[in-house]
Structures are given as C-alpha cells and as structure tokens.
Amino acid sequence: MHRLPVTTELLAQDEVVLPHDAARHLKVLRPKQGEVVELFDGRGLVRRYAVNGAVLAAASPAVSVPRSTTAMTLFACVTKGSRWDWTVEKAVELGVTRIVPVISERVIVRLPREAREEKAERWRRIALDAARQSDAAWLPEIVAPVDFAESLPLVRGTTCFVGALADPPPPPLLKVVAEADAGADGGFAVYVGPEGDFSPAELSALLEVARPASFGPTILRAETAAIFAVSVLAAAIASRRS
C-alpha cells in the first residue's frame, strides 16, 4: 500500500486535498481510481483514504499507533556523505526514537555550527522517506549535530552502551543490554565512534557515563557498527516485551 506523510490536521478530515509535495509523489505512483492509500503524520496517527480524482475520501477512521514504552537513542559520530544518509535511513527502519549526530575529534566531516541545523533538516527528510517506505508510524527526533562534549549530558539521561576496547574485554552487547535496567527516563542508547575511533580522552570521558560492550570479534566500519548496535538494542527491547 502506498503511504504518504501529511500533517496531523489533515488526518481529521474525511476528504483531503493533498499538499503539493504529497500530491506530486502520489501522481508519480499513478494510483487507480478507488485505490486505497495510507496517510500518516509521523507522530503515531495513520488513516486510510480512497483515491477519488484530486480528492482522497476517508476509507477508515484514524488509528493511533502506540509508541514503544522504551526510548531508543543512537549517538553516532557523523560519517561521510551517503554513509551517514544510509545510517539515518536504517536507524529509522529499526525504530530508533532519537538520533544524535556527534562531531568528535577524529570525525572526517567537519560541520560549522551555522550549517548544522540545515544538515539536520536534510536528515529529517531522509527519515521521513524511510518511515514512508518501512511502514513506520513514528518519526525519530533528529537533533542538530553536537560536539562530543555536548553529547555527554544527553548520554547521562539514558542507559547507554558503547563499543569499546577495555581490559578485561567487555561482554557482548546483547548480554549487557539484557542485564541492564532501563530505569533512566531516556531509555536505552548506543554510542558509536567515528572512522578514526574515539581519542583516548573522549573514550575515558564516555566510559564515565556509558557502559562498555563488545560489538563482535571483527572491526566494523562506523556505519556498520551503528546499525549492528541498533539492531541488537531493538531485539533486546522487543524480547523484554514478549
């Protein structure tokens, strides 16, 4: 079924004329007369409509999809170009509730402060498209990129895990998450470093507010580590609900 993002206000209407971007997207899809499409607001509200020319006619009542009671945050140092776009896309598909892009000492991508909100807006559009394609009812919060030091207070509000070398070696991420208490209001989180890894000072500061965990026996690329960690976290949270 085709899905299109709209405002919450439109979902209260029994007959809808789509805004320009959504109407253009639907035109490209070439739906048949009477075909049912789903509109969603990214905040849990969805409703199905039947195509009736330029107007969509309600085919069902609006449904509110509950969000997971356990928040899931991805702290990740920004990677280059399409790798970061891919990270955002896949994190949305896996159900993260917040993405915090981080500019650490060794990241290759250097973003001046005046350009950060513009970048975040672009990533929000990528997230919206990922939600449309993956049947997600909720969009994550994507904050403007923060410097490493600025991320630490945000980490303290979560139960956070970081892939880190330690002595003795830390246990696997799944085991650490399974044994942890998500008592913090911010729920669970994972923190992933840049291509050049954390600096020693950054890792030391991070281990004061996050728990070390193993991300497996091999060295993962930064974008791979991010999606591996989110996948494990999502699976662990789901197993707690079952």
C-alpha atoms as a PDB file:
ATOM      1  CA  MET A   1       0.000   0.000   0.000  1.00  0.00           C
ATOM      2  CA  HIS A   2       1.266   3.467  -0.886  1.00  0.00           C
ATOM      3  CA  ARG A   3       1.952   5.710   2.129  1.00  0.00           C
ATOM      4  CA  LEU A   4       2.243   9.483   2.252  1.00  0.00           C
ATOM      5  CA  PRO A   5       3.220  11.842   5.092  1.00  0.00           C
ATOM      6  CA  VAL A   6       0.804  14.661   5.922  1.00  0.00           C
ATOM      7  CA  THR A   7       0.026  16.953   8.835  1.00  0.00           C
ATOM      8  CA  THR A   8      -1.978  15.764  11.822  1.00  0.00           C
ATOM      9  CA  GLU A   9      -4.696  18.287  10.976  1.00  0.00           C
ATOM     10  CA  LEU A  10      -5.346  16.709   7.574  1.00  0.00           C
ATOM     11  CA  LEU A  11      -5.969  13.313   9.162  1.00  0.00           C
ATOM     12  CA  ALA A  12      -9.005  14.770  10.940  1.00  0.00           C
ATOM     13  CA  GLN A  13     -10.681  15.450   7.584  1.00  0.00           C
ATOM     14  CA  ASP A  14     -12.899  12.956   5.791  1.00  0.00           C
ATOM     15  CA  GLU A  15     -11.960  14.448   2.424  1.00  0.00           C
ATOM     16  CA  VAL A  16      -8.392  15.515   1.791  1.00  0.00           C
ATOM     17  CA  VAL A  17      -6.704  17.538  -0.916  1.00  0.00           C
ATOM     18  CA  LEU A  18      -3.040  16.651  -0.606  1.00  0.00           C
ATOM     19  CA  PRO A  19      -0.382  19.338  -0.208  1.00  0.00           C
ATOM     20  CA  HIS A  20       1.917  19.918  -3.161  1.00  0.00           C
ATOM     21  CA  ASP A  21       4.772  17.509  -2.308  1.00  0.00           C
ATOM     22  CA  ALA A  22       2.482  14.625  -1.330  1.00  0.00           C
ATOM     23  CA  ALA A  23       0.236  15.196  -4.363  1.00  0.00           C
ATOM     24  CA  ARG A  24       3.250  15.161  -6.692  1.00  0.00           C
ATOM     25  CA  HIS A  25       4.528  11.948  -5.118  1.00  0.00           C
ATOM     26  CA  LEU A  26       1.122  10.279  -5.450  1.00  0.00           C
ATOM     27  CA  LYS A  27       0.902  11.350  -9.095  1.00  0.00           C
ATOM     28  CA  VAL A  28       4.203   9.598  -9.802  1.00  0.00           C
ATOM     29  CA  LEU A  29       2.796   6.415  -8.241  1.00  0.00           C
ATOM     30  CA  ARG A  30      -0.187   6.519 -10.640  1.00  0.00           C
ATOM     31  CA  PRO A  31      -2.821   5.008  -8.318  1.00  0.00           C
ATOM     32  CA  LYS A  32      -6.057   3.720  -9.788  1.00  0.00           C
ATOM     33  CA  GLN A  33      -9.399   5.317  -9.048  1.00  0.00           C
ATOM     34  CA  GLY A  34     -10.670   3.882  -5.762  1.00  0.00           C
ATOM     35  CA  GLU A  35      -7.265   2.557  -4.734  1.00  0.00           C
ATOM     36  CA  VAL A  36      -6.612   2.893  -1.009  1.00  0.00           C
ATOM     37  CA  VAL A  37      -3.571   4.761   0.274  1.00  0.00           C
ATOM     38  CA  GLU A  38      -2.407   5.373   3.819  1.00  0.00           C
ATOM     39  CA  LEU A  39      -1.611   8.814   5.201  1.00  0.00           C
ATOM     40  CA  PHE A  40       0.474   9.234   8.352  1.00  0.00           C
ATOM     41  CA  ASP A  41       1.721  12.161  10.421  1.00  0.00           C
ATOM     42  CA  GLY A  42       4.930  10.667  11.850  1.00  0.00           C
ATOM     43  CA  ARG A  43       3.513  11.016  15.358  1.00  0.00           C
ATOM     44  CA  GLY A  44       1.610   7.747  15.502  1.00  0.00           C
ATOM     45  CA  LEU A  45      -1.593   8.726  13.689  1.00  0.00           C
ATOM     46  CA  VAL A  46      -2.500   6.888  10.465  1.00  0.00           C
ATOM     47  CA  ARG A  47      -5.612   6.832   8.297  1.00  0.00           C
ATOM     48  CA  ARG A  48      -6.572   5.180   5.016  1.00  0.00           C
ATOM     49  CA  TYR A  49      -8.166   7.031   2.130  1.00  0.00           C
ATOM     50  CA  ALA A  50      -9.528   6.043  -1.271  1.00  0.00           C
ATOM     51  CA  VAL A  51      -8.322   7.903  -4.345  1.00  0.00           C
ATOM     52  CA  ASN A  52     -11.130   9.933  -5.892  1.00  0.00           C
ATOM     53  CA  GLY A  53      -9.597  12.131  -8.546  1.00  0.00           C
ATOM     54  CA  ALA A  54      -7.780  15.021  -6.911  1.00  0.00           C
ATOM     55  CA  VAL A  55      -9.534  14.327  -3.623  1.00  0.00           C
ATOM     56  CA  LEU A  56      -8.934  11.499  -1.161  1.00  0.00           C
ATOM     57  CA  ALA A  57     -12.020  10.158   0.605  1.00  0.00           C
ATOM     58  CA  ALA A  58     -11.715   8.562   4.037  1.00  0.00           C
ATOM     59  CA  ALA A  59     -11.872   4.762   3.898  1.00  0.00           C
ATOM     60  CA  SER A  60     -11.384   4.147   7.630  1.00  0.00           C
ATOM     61  CA  PRO A  61     -11.206   6.013  10.929  1.00  0.00           C
ATOM     62  CA  ALA A  62      -7.879   7.427  12.061  1.00  0.00           C
ATOM     63  CA  VAL A  63      -5.856   4.969  14.136  1.00  0.00           C
ATOM     64  CA  SER A  64      -3.331   5.944  16.807  1.00  0.00           C
ATOM     65  CA  VAL A  65      -0.354   3.575  16.827  1.00  0.00           C
ATOM     66  CA  PRO A  66       1.293   3.433  20.278  1.00  0.00           C
ATOM     67  CA  ARG A  67       4.980   4.140  20.523  1.00  0.00           C
ATOM     68  CA  SER A  68       7.370   1.793  22.299  1.00  0.00           C
ATOM     69  CA  THR A  69       7.443   2.499  26.006  1.00  0.00           C
ATOM     70  CA  THR A  70      11.243   2.186  25.937  1.00  0.00           C
ATOM     71  CA  ALA A  71      13.052   5.002  24.148  1.00  0.00           C
ATOM     72  CA  MET A  72      15.977   4.055  21.904  1.00  0.00           C
ATOM     73  CA  THR A  73      18.651   6.639  21.088  1.00  0.00           C
ATOM     74  CA  LEU A  74      21.504   6.385  18.621  1.00  0.00           C
ATOM     75  CA  PHE A  75      24.502   8.581  19.411  1.00  0.00           C
ATOM     76  CA  ALA A  76      26.741   8.332  16.362  1.00  0.00           C
ATOM     77  CA  CYS A  77      29.705  10.294  15.107  1.00  0.00           C
ATOM     78  CA  VAL A  78      28.900  11.654  11.658  1.00  0.00           C
ATOM     79  CA  THR A  79      30.345   9.703   8.746  1.00  0.00           C
ATOM     80  CA  LYS A  80      30.936  10.813   5.170  1.00  0.00           C
ATOM     81  CA  GLY A  81      28.139  11.575   2.710  1.00  0.00           C
ATOM     82  CA  SER A  82      25.957   8.673   1.703  1.00  0.00           C
ATOM     83  CA  ARG A  83      27.223   6.517   4.571  1.00  0.00           C
ATOM     84  CA  TRP A  84      25.554   8.812   7.087  1.00  0.00           C
ATOM     85  CA  ASP A  85      22.379   9.054   4.991  1.00  0.00           C
ATOM     86  CA  TRP A  86      22.257   5.259   4.978  1.00  0.00           C
ATOM     87  CA  THR A  87      22.751   5.175   8.753  1.00  0.00           C
ATOM     88  CA  VAL A  88      19.791   7.518   9.273  1.00  0.00           C
ATOM     89  CA  GLU A  89      17.607   5.527   6.892  1.00  0.00           C
ATOM     90  CA  LYS A  90      18.316   2.161   8.504  1.00  0.00           C
ATOM     91  CA  ALA A  91      18.045   3.501  12.050  1.00  0.00           C
ATOM     92  CA  VAL A  92      14.540   4.756  11.240  1.00  0.00           C
ATOM     93  CA  GLU A  93      13.586   1.361   9.828  1.00  0.00           C
ATOM     94  CA  LEU A  94      14.764  -0.244  13.068  1.00  0.00           C
ATOM     95  CA  GLY A  95      12.635   2.041  15.206  1.00  0.00           C
ATOM     96  CA  VAL A  96      15.000   4.462  16.945  1.00  0.00           C
ATOM     97  CA  THR A  97      13.253   7.263  18.787  1.00  0.00           C
ATOM     98  CA  ARG A  98      16.132   9.750  18.636  1.00  0.00           C
ATOM     99  CA  ILE A  99      19.291  10.250  16.591  1.00  0.00           C
ATOM    100  CA  VAL A 100      22.063  12.442  17.986  1.00  0.00           C
ATOM    101  CA  PRO A 101      24.757  13.188  15.360  1.00  0.00           C
ATOM    102  CA  VAL A 102      28.112  13.866  17.046  1.00  0.00           C
ATOM    103  CA  ILE A 103      31.162  15.794  15.892  1.00  0.00           C
ATOM    104  CA  SER A 104      34.081  14.203  17.725  1.00  0.00           C
ATOM    105  CA  GLU A 105      37.806  14.927  17.495  1.00  0.00           C
ATOM    106  CA  ARG A 106      38.523  12.417  14.739  1.00  0.00           C
ATOM    107  CA  VAL A 107      35.459  12.688  12.512  1.00  0.00           C
ATOM    108  CA  ILE A 108      36.285  13.381   8.880  1.00  0.00           C
ATOM    109  CA  VAL A 109      33.164  15.503   8.349  1.00  0.00           C
ATOM    110  CA  ARG A 110      33.595  18.947   9.951  1.00  0.00           C
ATOM    111  CA  LEU A 111      30.340  20.892  10.191  1.00  0.00           C
ATOM    112  CA  PRO A 112      30.403  24.568  11.153  1.00  0.00           C
ATOM    113  CA  ARG A 113      27.708  25.452  13.666  1.00  0.00           C
ATOM    114  CA  GLU A 114      25.831  27.671  11.233  1.00  0.00           C
ATOM    115  CA  ALA A 115      25.362  24.713   8.853  1.00  0.00           C
ATOM    116  CA  ARG A 116      24.262  22.123  11.391  1.00  0.00           C
ATOM    117  CA  GLU A 117      20.533  22.828  11.548  1.00  0.00           C
ATOM    118  CA  GLU A 118      20.339  22.809   7.754  1.00  0.00           C
ATOM    119  CA  LYS A 119      22.032  19.400   7.718  1.00  0.00           C
ATOM    120  CA  ALA A 120      19.615  18.123  10.357  1.00  0.00           C
ATOM    121  CA  GLU A 121      16.665  19.238   8.213  1.00  0.00           C
ATOM    122  CA  ARG A 122      18.026  17.237   5.302  1.00  0.00           C
ATOM    123  CA  TRP A 123      18.391  14.160   7.503  1.00  0.00           C
ATOM    124  CA  ARG A 124      14.820  14.628   8.743  1.00  0.00           C
ATOM    125  CA  ARG A 125      13.636  14.443   5.135  1.00  0.00           C
ATOM    126  CA  ILE A 126      15.592  11.210   4.695  1.00  0.00           C
ATOM    127  CA  ALA A 127      13.989   9.894   7.894  1.00  0.00           C
ATOM    128  CA  LEU A 128      10.532  10.827   6.623  1.00  0.00           C
ATOM    129  CA  ASP A 129      11.080   8.924   3.390  1.00  0.00           C
ATOM    130  CA  ALA A 130      12.432   5.919   5.332  1.00  0.00           C
ATOM    131  CA  ALA A 131       9.338   5.934   7.548  1.00  0.00           C
ATOM    132  CA  ARG A 132       7.095   6.090   4.493  1.00  0.00           C
ATOM    133  CA  GLN A 133       8.753   3.072   2.908  1.00  0.00           C
ATOM    134  CA  SER A 134       9.089   0.971   6.067  1.00  0.00           C
ATOM    135  CA  ASP A 135       5.519   1.327   7.387  1.00  0.00           C
ATOM    136  CA  ALA A 136       6.752   3.221  10.443  1.00  0.00           C
ATOM    137  CA  ALA A 137       4.117   5.335  12.177  1.00  0.00           C
ATOM    138  CA  TRP A 138       6.584   7.342  14.250  1.00  0.00           C
ATOM    139  CA  LEU A 139       9.481   9.541  13.191  1.00  0.00           C
ATOM    140  CA  PRO A 140      12.533   9.820  15.425  1.00  0.00           C
ATOM    141  CA  GLU A 141      13.757  13.111  16.776  1.00  0.00           C
ATOM    142  CA  ILE A 142      16.887  14.101  14.864  1.00  0.00           C
ATOM    143  CA  VAL A 143      18.777  16.827  16.667  1.00  0.00           C
ATOM    144  CA  ALA A 144      21.250  19.183  15.057  1.00  0.00           C
ATOM    145  CA  PRO A 145      24.818  17.838  15.309  1.00  0.00           C
ATOM    146  CA  VAL A 146      26.516  18.420  18.651  1.00  0.00           C
ATOM    147  CA  ASP A 147      30.162  18.459  19.643  1.00  0.00           C
ATOM    148  CA  PHE A 148      31.376  15.467  21.626  1.00  0.00           C
ATOM    149  CA  ALA A 149      31.438  17.301  24.964  1.00  0.00           C
ATOM    150  CA  GLU A 150      27.867  18.479  24.386  1.00  0.00           C
ATOM    151  CA  SER A 151      26.701  14.902  23.892  1.00  0.00           C
ATOM    152  CA  LEU A 152      27.772  13.715  27.343  1.00  0.00           C
ATOM    153  CA  PRO A 153      24.913  15.351  29.311  1.00  0.00           C
ATOM    154  CA  LEU A 154      22.475  13.737  26.871  1.00  0.00           C
ATOM    155  CA  VAL A 155      24.115  10.346  27.446  1.00  0.00           C
ATOM    156  CA  ARG A 156      23.650  10.719  31.212  1.00  0.00           C
ATOM    157  CA  GLY A 157      19.888  10.789  30.700  1.00  0.00           C
ATOM    158  CA  THR A 158      19.963   7.294  29.172  1.00  0.00           C
ATOM    159  CA  THR A 159      21.228   3.806  29.884  1.00  0.00           C
ATOM    160  CA  CYS A 160      23.921   3.909  27.224  1.00  0.00           C
ATOM    161  CA  PHE A 161      26.282   1.296  25.784  1.00  0.00           C
ATOM    162  CA  VAL A 162      29.422   1.977  23.798  1.00  0.00           C
ATOM    163  CA  GLY A 163      31.527  -0.361  21.725  1.00  0.00           C
ATOM    164  CA  ALA A 164      34.919  -0.004  23.350  1.00  0.00           C
ATOM    165  CA  LEU A 165      38.122  -1.873  23.962  1.00  0.00           C
ATOM    166  CA  ALA A 166      38.645  -2.428  27.664  1.00  0.00           C
ATOM    167  CA  ASP A 167      40.681  -4.585  29.979  1.00  0.00           C
ATOM    168  CA  PRO A 168      39.248  -7.073  30.714  1.00  0.00           C
ATOM    169  CA  PRO A 169      37.304  -7.288  27.419  1.00  0.00           C
ATOM    170  CA  PRO A 170      33.661  -6.273  27.868  1.00  0.00           C
ATOM    171  CA  PRO A 171      30.821  -8.783  27.408  1.00  0.00           C
ATOM    172  CA  PRO A 172      28.760  -8.877  24.206  1.00  0.00           C
ATOM    173  CA  LEU A 173      26.305  -6.035  23.687  1.00  0.00           C
ATOM    174  CA  LEU A 174      23.256  -8.314  23.813  1.00  0.00           C
ATOM    175  CA  LYS A 175      24.286  -9.700  27.195  1.00  0.00           C
ATOM    176  CA  VAL A 176      24.958  -6.249  28.633  1.00  0.00           C
ATOM    177  CA  VAL A 177      21.611  -4.903  27.444  1.00  0.00           C
ATOM    178  CA  ALA A 178      19.724  -7.954  28.699  1.00  0.00           C
ATOM    179  CA  GLU A 179      21.147  -7.462  32.169  1.00  0.00           C
ATOM    180  CA  ALA A 180      20.687  -3.685  32.290  1.00  0.00           C
ATOM    181  CA  ASP A 181      17.898  -1.678  33.849  1.00  0.00           C
ATOM    182  CA  ALA A 182      16.284   0.900  31.589  1.00  0.00           C
ATOM    183  CA  GLY A 183      15.367   2.979  34.591  1.00  0.00           C
ATOM    184  CA  ALA A 184      16.586   6.239  33.072  1.00  0.00           C
ATOM    185  CA  ASP A 185      13.857   8.415  31.579  1.00  0.00           C
ATOM    186  CA  GLY A 186      15.751   8.418  28.296  1.00  0.00           C
ATOM    187  CA  GLY A 187      15.574   4.631  27.933  1.00  0.00           C
ATOM    188  CA  PHE A 188      18.384   2.730  26.228  1.00  0.00           C
ATOM    189  CA  ALA A 189      21.039   4.170  23.926  1.00  0.00           C
ATOM    190  CA  VAL A 190      24.102   3.117  21.964  1.00  0.00           C
ATOM    191  CA  TYR A 191      27.098   5.298  21.165  1.00  0.00           C
ATOM    192  CA  VAL A 192      29.198   4.699  18.045  1.00  0.00           C
ATOM    193  CA  GLY A 193      32.506   6.380  17.273  1.00  0.00           C
ATOM    194  CA  PRO A 194      33.928   7.781  14.018  1.00  0.00           C
ATOM    195  CA  GLU A 195      36.035   6.126  11.327  1.00  0.00           C
ATOM    196  CA  GLY A 196      39.180   7.084  13.265  1.00  0.00           C
ATOM    197  CA  ASP A 197      37.765   5.889  16.616  1.00  0.00           C
ATOM    198  CA  PHE A 198      37.497   7.964  19.768  1.00  0.00           C
ATOM    199  CA  SER A 199      40.523   9.809  21.092  1.00  0.00           C
ATOM    200  CA  PRO A 200      41.804   8.409  24.423  1.00  0.00           C
ATOM    201  CA  ALA A 201      40.391  11.431  26.279  1.00  0.00           C
ATOM    202  CA  GLU A 202      36.971  11.022  24.632  1.00  0.00           C
ATOM    203  CA  LEU A 203      36.813   7.327  25.416  1.00  0.00           C
ATOM    204  CA  SER A 204      37.765   7.962  29.019  1.00  0.00           C
ATOM    205  CA  ALA A 205      35.025  10.592  29.366  1.00  0.00           C
ATOM    206  CA  LEU A 206      32.486   8.374  27.649  1.00  0.00           C
ATOM    207  CA  LEU A 207      33.177   5.379  29.881  1.00  0.00           C
ATOM    208  CA  GLU A 208      32.253   7.517  32.863  1.00  0.00           C
ATOM    209  CA  VAL A 209      28.677   7.815  31.590  1.00  0.00           C
ATOM    210  CA  ALA A 210      28.243   4.741  29.349  1.00  0.00           C
ATOM    211  CA  ARG A 211      28.842   1.022  29.712  1.00  0.00           C
ATOM    212  CA  PRO A 212      31.416  -0.752  27.521  1.00  0.00           C
ATOM    213  CA  ALA A 213      30.235  -3.638  25.351  1.00  0.00           C
ATOM    214  CA  SER A 214      31.651  -5.808  22.597  1.00  0.00           C
ATOM    215  CA  PHE A 215      30.262  -5.329  19.104  1.00  0.00           C
ATOM    216  CA  GLY A 216      31.702  -8.649  17.952  1.00  0.00           C
ATOM    217  CA  PRO A 217      35.068 -10.218  17.083  1.00  0.00           C
ATOM    218  CA  THR A 218      35.753  -8.172  13.946  1.00  0.00           C
ATOM    219  CA  ILE A 219      36.429  -4.478  13.364  1.00  0.00           C
ATOM    220  CA  LEU A 220      33.275  -2.868  11.978  1.00  0.00           C
ATOM    221  CA  ARG A 221      33.038   0.236   9.837  1.00  0.00           C
ATOM    222  CA  ALA A 222      31.384   3.088  11.695  1.00  0.00           C
ATOM    223  CA  GLU A 223      28.092   2.824   9.784  1.00  0.00           C
ATOM    224  CA  THR A 224      28.042  -0.960  10.196  1.00  0.00           C
ATOM    225  CA  ALA A 225      28.658  -0.647  13.933  1.00  0.00           C
ATOM    226  CA  ALA A 226      25.776   1.809  14.258  1.00  0.00           C
ATOM    227  CA  ILE A 227      23.238  -0.453  12.608  1.00  0.00           C
ATOM    228  CA  PHE A 228      24.562  -3.560  14.356  1.00  0.00           C
ATOM    229  CA  ALA A 229      24.196  -1.834  17.724  1.00  0.00           C
ATOM    230  CA  VAL A 230      20.703  -0.511  16.992  1.00  0.00           C
ATOM    231  CA  SER A 231      19.613  -3.945  15.742  1.00  0.00           C
ATOM    232  CA  VAL A 232      20.804  -5.630  18.939  1.00  0.00           C
ATOM    233  CA  LEU A 233      19.194  -2.948  21.068  1.00  0.00           C
ATOM    234  CA  ALA A 234      15.872  -3.215  19.219  1.00  0.00           C
ATOM    235  CA  ALA A 235      15.873  -7.005  19.550  1.00  0.00           C
ATOM    236  CA  ALA A 236      16.671  -6.823  23.266  1.00  0.00           C
ATOM    237  CA  ILE A 237      13.891  -4.309  23.883  1.00  0.00           C
ATOM    238  CA  ALA A 238      11.415  -6.418  21.918  1.00  0.00           C
ATOM    239  CA  SER A 239      12.348  -9.534  23.911  1.00  0.00           C
ATOM    240  CA  ARG A 240      11.607  -7.667  27.138  1.00  0.00           C
ATOM    241  CA  ARG A 241       8.051  -7.022  25.954  1.00  0.00           C
ATOM    242  CA  SER A 242       7.382 -10.617  24.886  1.00  0.00           C
END
